[in-house]
C-alpha atoms as a PDB file:
ATOM      1  CA  MET A   1      -2.476 -11.372   7.922  1.00  0.00           C
ATOM      2  CA  ALA A   2      -3.239  -7.924   6.556  1.00  0.00           C
ATOM      3  CA  LYS A   3      -3.422  -4.960   8.886  1.00  0.00           C
ATOM      4  CA  LEU A   4      -4.821  -1.441   8.818  1.00  0.00           C
ATOM      5  CA  LEU A   5      -2.334   1.409   9.139  1.00  0.00           C
ATOM      6  CA  ILE A   6      -3.637   4.933   9.672  1.00  0.00           C
ATOM      7  CA  ASP A   7      -1.693   8.101   8.931  1.00  0.00           C
ATOM      8  CA  ALA A   8      -3.460   9.554  11.959  1.00  0.00           C
ATOM      9  CA  ASP A   9      -2.153  13.144  11.962  1.00  0.00           C
ATOM     10  CA  GLY A  10      -5.243  15.193  11.151  1.00  0.00           C
ATOM     11  CA  CYS A  11      -7.254  12.153  10.029  1.00  0.00           C
ATOM     12  CA  PRO A  12     -10.970  12.769  10.663  1.00  0.00           C
ATOM     13  CA  VAL A  13     -12.008   9.102  10.372  1.00  0.00           C
ATOM     14  CA  VAL A  14      -9.752   7.399  12.929  1.00  0.00           C
ATOM     15  CA  ASP A  15     -12.598   6.145  15.133  1.00  0.00           C
ATOM     16  CA  LEU A  16     -14.748   5.091  12.173  1.00  0.00           C
ATOM     17  CA  ALA A  17     -11.800   3.243  10.605  1.00  0.00           C
ATOM     18  CA  ILE A  18     -11.026   1.427  13.858  1.00  0.00           C
ATOM     19  CA  ALA A  19     -14.641   0.316  14.287  1.00  0.00           C
ATOM     20  CA  THR A  20     -14.771  -0.909  10.677  1.00  0.00           C
ATOM     21  CA  ALA A  21     -11.438  -2.756  10.858  1.00  0.00           C
ATOM     22  CA  GLN A  22     -12.479  -4.447  14.119  1.00  0.00           C
ATOM     23  CA  ARG A  23     -15.495  -5.965  12.327  1.00  0.00           C
ATOM     24  CA  PHE A  24     -12.969  -7.639  10.010  1.00  0.00           C
ATOM     25  CA  GLN A  25     -10.674  -8.576  12.921  1.00  0.00           C
ATOM     26  CA  LEU A  26      -7.764  -6.648  11.428  1.00  0.00           C
ATOM     27  CA  PRO A  27      -4.881  -5.443  13.580  1.00  0.00           C
ATOM     28  CA  ILE A  28      -4.823  -1.637  13.625  1.00  0.00           C
ATOM     29  CA  LEU A  29      -1.779   0.611  13.806  1.00  0.00           C
ATOM     30  CA  LEU A  30      -2.072   4.377  14.326  1.00  0.00           C
ATOM     31  CA  LEU A  31       0.950   6.447  13.352  1.00  0.00           C
ATOM     32  CA  CYS A  32       1.229  10.052  14.481  1.00  0.00           C
ATOM     33  CA  ASP A  33       3.815  12.602  15.529  1.00  0.00           C
ATOM     34  CA  THR A  34       4.300  14.100  18.969  1.00  0.00           C
ATOM     35  CA  ALA A  35       2.002  17.033  18.100  1.00  0.00           C
ATOM     36  CA  HIS A  36      -0.931  14.639  17.559  1.00  0.00           C
ATOM     37  CA  ASP A  37      -0.241  11.881  20.077  1.00  0.00           C
ATOM     38  CA  MET A  38      -3.349   9.720  20.333  1.00  0.00           C
ATOM     39  CA  GLN A  39      -4.390   6.511  21.966  1.00  0.00           C
ATOM     40  CA  ARG A  40      -7.435   4.465  20.965  1.00  0.00           C
ATOM     41  CA  GLU A  41      -8.717   1.246  22.424  1.00  0.00           C
ATOM     42  CA  GLY A  42      -8.231  -1.627  20.006  1.00  0.00           C
ATOM     43  CA  ALA A  43      -5.328   0.002  18.183  1.00  0.00           C
ATOM     44  CA  GLU A  44      -1.587   0.124  18.666  1.00  0.00           C
ATOM     45  CA  THR A  45      -0.119   3.633  18.464  1.00  0.00           C
ATOM     46  CA  ILE A  46       3.329   4.550  17.233  1.00  0.00           C
ATOM     47  CA  THR A  47       4.358   8.121  17.950  1.00  0.00           C
ATOM     48  CA  VAL A  48       7.317   9.522  16.047  1.00  0.00           C
ATOM     49  CA  SER A  49       9.299  12.742  16.392  1.00  0.00           C
ATOM     50  CA  LYS A  50       7.828  15.785  14.730  1.00  0.00           C
ATOM     51  CA  GLY A  51       9.273  16.489  11.319  1.00  0.00           C
ATOM     52  CA  ALA A  52       8.386  16.769   7.669  1.00  0.00           C
ATOM     53  CA  ASP A  53       7.152  13.373   6.478  1.00  0.00           C
ATOM     54  CA  ALA A  54       8.450  11.616   9.619  1.00  0.00           C
ATOM     55  CA  VAL A  55       5.214   9.646  10.037  1.00  0.00           C
ATOM     56  CA  ASP A  56       5.136   8.799   6.324  1.00  0.00           C
ATOM     57  CA  PHE A  57       8.600   7.227   6.400  1.00  0.00           C
ATOM     58  CA  VAL A  58       7.825   5.099   9.462  1.00  0.00           C
ATOM     59  CA  LEU A  59       4.504   4.016   7.973  1.00  0.00           C
ATOM     60  CA  VAL A  60       5.886   3.058   4.571  1.00  0.00           C
ATOM     61  CA  ASN A  61       8.617   1.001   6.249  1.00  0.00           C
ATOM     62  CA  ARG A  62       5.964  -0.972   8.146  1.00  0.00           C
ATOM     63  CA  VAL A  63       3.499  -1.574   5.325  1.00  0.00           C
ATOM     64  CA  LYS A  64       3.446  -5.041   3.790  1.00  0.00           C
ATOM     65  CA  LYS A  65       1.769  -6.490   0.710  1.00  0.00           C
ATOM     66  CA  GLY A  66      -2.000  -6.588   1.255  1.00  0.00           C
ATOM     67  CA  ASP A  67      -2.106  -3.990   4.061  1.00  0.00           C
ATOM     68  CA  VAL A  68      -4.669  -1.181   3.958  1.00  0.00           C
ATOM     69  CA  VAL A  69      -3.419   2.359   4.591  1.00  0.00           C
ATOM     70  CA  ILE A  70      -5.576   5.394   5.287  1.00  0.00           C
ATOM     71  CA  THR A  71      -3.840   8.590   4.181  1.00  0.00           C
ATOM     72  CA  GLN A  72      -4.579  11.822   2.392  1.00  0.00           C
ATOM     73  CA  ASP A  73      -0.956  12.134   1.254  1.00  0.00           C
ATOM     74  CA  TYR A  74      -0.566  11.276  -2.438  1.00  0.00           C
ATOM     75  CA  GLY A  75       3.156  10.659  -2.118  1.00  0.00           C
ATOM     76  CA  LEU A  76       2.623   8.166   0.701  1.00  0.00           C
ATOM     77  CA  ALA A  77      -0.195   6.532  -1.274  1.00  0.00           C
ATOM     78  CA  ALA A  78       2.168   6.069  -4.238  1.00  0.00           C
ATOM     79  CA  MET A  79       4.744   4.361  -1.985  1.00  0.00           C
ATOM     80  CA  VAL A  80       2.042   2.097  -0.517  1.00  0.00           C
ATOM     81  CA  LEU A  81       0.947   1.110  -4.019  1.00  0.00           C
ATOM     82  CA  ALA A  82       4.566   0.290  -4.875  1.00  0.00           C
ATOM     83  CA  LYS A  83       4.625  -2.091  -1.900  1.00  0.00           C
ATOM     84  CA  GLN A  84       1.354  -3.696  -3.096  1.00  0.00           C
ATOM     85  CA  GLY A  85      -0.741  -2.184  -0.317  1.00  0.00           C
ATOM     86  CA  TYR A  86      -4.191  -0.648  -0.603  1.00  0.00           C
ATOM     87  CA  PRO A  87      -4.249   3.091   0.121  1.00  0.00           C
ATOM     88  CA  ILE A  88      -7.570   4.878   0.679  1.00  0.00           C
ATOM     89  CA  ASP A  89      -8.218   8.472   1.698  1.00  0.00           C
ATOM     90  CA  GLN A  90     -10.501   9.867   4.406  1.00  0.00           C
ATOM     91  CA  ASN A  91     -13.282  10.434   1.852  1.00  0.00           C
ATOM     92  CA  GLY A  92     -13.226   6.864   0.551  1.00  0.00           C
ATOM     93  CA  ARG A  93     -11.171   7.436  -2.599  1.00  0.00           C
ATOM     94  CA  ILE A  94      -9.141   4.333  -3.285  1.00  0.00           C
ATOM     95  CA  TYR A  95      -5.780   5.207  -4.770  1.00  0.00           C
ATOM     96  CA  SER A  96      -4.740   3.029  -7.688  1.00  0.00           C
ATOM     97  CA  ALA A  97      -2.231   2.752 -10.497  1.00  0.00           C
ATOM     98  CA  GLU A  98      -4.907   4.355 -12.678  1.00  0.00           C
ATOM     99  CA  ASN A  99      -5.302   7.568 -10.643  1.00  0.00           C
ATOM    100  CA  ILE A 100      -2.083   8.157  -8.673  1.00  0.00           C
ATOM    101  CA  ASP A 101      -0.058   9.789 -11.478  1.00  0.00           C
ATOM    102  CA  GLN A 102      -2.783  12.361 -12.145  1.00  0.00           C
ATOM    103  CA  LEU A 103      -3.112  13.121  -8.412  1.00  0.00           C
ATOM    104  CA  LEU A 104       0.658  13.546  -8.017  1.00  0.00           C
ATOM    105  CA  HIS A 105       0.754  15.801 -11.074  1.00  0.00           C
ATOM    106  CA  GLY A 106      -2.079  17.939  -9.672  1.00  0.00           C
ATOM    107  CA  ARG A 107      -0.195  18.293  -6.389  1.00  0.00           C
ATOM    108  CA  HIS A 108       2.944  19.349  -8.283  1.00  0.00           C
ATOM    109  CA  VAL A 109       1.044  21.975 -10.316  1.00  0.00           C
ATOM    110  CA  ALA A 110      -0.630  23.360  -7.168  1.00  0.00           C
ATOM    111  CA  LYS A 111       2.764  23.671  -5.478  1.00  0.00           C
ATOM    112  CA  LYS A 112       4.151  25.575  -8.468  1.00  0.00           C
ATOM    113  CA  ILE A 113       1.192  27.973  -8.360  1.00  0.00           C
ATOM    114  CA  ARG A 114       1.677  28.583  -4.621  1.00  0.00           C
ATOM    115  CA  GLN A 115       5.433  29.123  -5.083  1.00  0.00           C
ATOM    116  CA  ALA A 116       4.664  31.739  -7.735  1.00  0.00           C
ATOM    117  CA  GLY A 117       2.451  33.602  -5.257  1.00  0.00           C
ATOM    118  CA  GLY A 118      -0.845  32.194  -6.481  1.00  0.00           C
ATOM    119  CA  ARG A 119      -3.607  31.077  -4.169  1.00  0.00           C
ATOM    120  CA  MET A 120      -5.465  27.783  -4.199  1.00  0.00           C
ATOM    121  CA  LYS A 121      -8.814  26.928  -2.675  1.00  0.00           C
ATOM    122  CA  GLY A 122      -8.590  24.810   0.449  1.00  0.00           C
ATOM    123  CA  PRO A 123     -10.459  21.560   0.963  1.00  0.00           C
ATOM    124  CA  LYS A 124     -14.235  21.617   1.215  1.00  0.00           C
ATOM    125  CA  LYS A 125     -15.823  21.451   4.640  1.00  0.00           C
ATOM    126  CA  ARG A 126     -16.338  17.851   5.741  1.00  0.00           C
ATOM    127  CA  ARG A 127     -19.901  16.578   5.434  1.00  0.00           C
ATOM    128  CA  PRO A 128     -21.647  13.503   6.904  1.00  0.00           C
ATOM    129  CA  GLU A 129     -21.755  12.000   3.390  1.00  0.00           C
ATOM    130  CA  ASP A 130     -17.963  11.974   3.379  1.00  0.00           C
ATOM    131  CA  ASN A 131     -17.951   9.628   6.398  1.00  0.00           C
ATOM    132  CA  GLU A 132     -20.627   7.428   4.813  1.00  0.00           C
ATOM    133  CA  ASN A 133     -18.685   7.207   1.547  1.00  0.00           C
ATOM    134  CA  PHE A 134     -15.460   6.444   3.417  1.00  0.00           C
ATOM    135  CA  GLU A 135     -17.057   3.651   5.447  1.00  0.00           C
ATOM    136  CA  LYS A 136     -18.805   2.115   2.418  1.00  0.00           C
ATOM    137  CA  ASN A 137     -15.608   2.068   0.336  1.00  0.00           C
ATOM    138  CA  LEU A 138     -13.473   0.792   3.221  1.00  0.00           C
ATOM    139  CA  VAL A 139     -15.929  -2.053   3.843  1.00  0.00           C
ATOM    140  CA  ASN A 140     -15.959  -2.914   0.112  1.00  0.00           C
ATOM    141  CA  LEU A 141     -12.147  -2.890   0.026  1.00  0.00           C
ATOM    142  CA  LEU A 142     -11.866  -5.088   3.139  1.00  0.00           C
ATOM    143  CA  GLU A 143     -14.471  -7.517   1.783  1.00  0.00           C
ATOM    144  CA  GLU A 144     -12.541  -7.777  -1.489  1.00  0.00           C
ATOM    145  CA  ILE A 145      -9.251  -8.376   0.330  1.00  0.00           C
ATOM    146  CA  THR A 146     -10.884 -10.993   2.576  1.00  0.00           C
ATOM    147  CA  ALA A 147     -12.437 -12.788  -0.415  1.00  0.00           C
ATOM    148  CA  ASN A 148      -9.101 -12.820  -2.287  1.00  0.00           C
ATOM    149  CA  ARG A 149      -7.284 -14.170   0.774  1.00  0.00           C
ATOM    150  CA  GLU A 150      -9.773 -17.044   1.092  1.00  0.00           C
ATOM    151  CA  ARG A 151      -9.204 -18.182  -2.511  1.00  0.00           C
END
């Protein structure tokens, strides 16, 4: 059975994701570090030591084929895709083989600019439409996974 794994550190849609996954009767696993320890009813929480990418490594080791992962980390999304999981970000963007290389390249270029002393714009302020788009795309993804599993 597929499950929902959430890279919960700084994730603004934890509660919305849990409510949506419960409608599909999916087990839910929250992964966070000790700086963001969180407990939610209906979800199992795994708290890992603070450290660069510590949550990512634990999460990717737990993901199985067909699992859904919520993350805004492109590197983690790429690893989930390699394990035949379904990564989606907090705005409802579904990562795929078609878009992950471009996203990783953009992240690399931005890092080079910052290392050279350049400045990059931060993310836009979150809007209610972002939550609506996330929920709609998560539901569509879960419906597709459910339909494929029943075939």
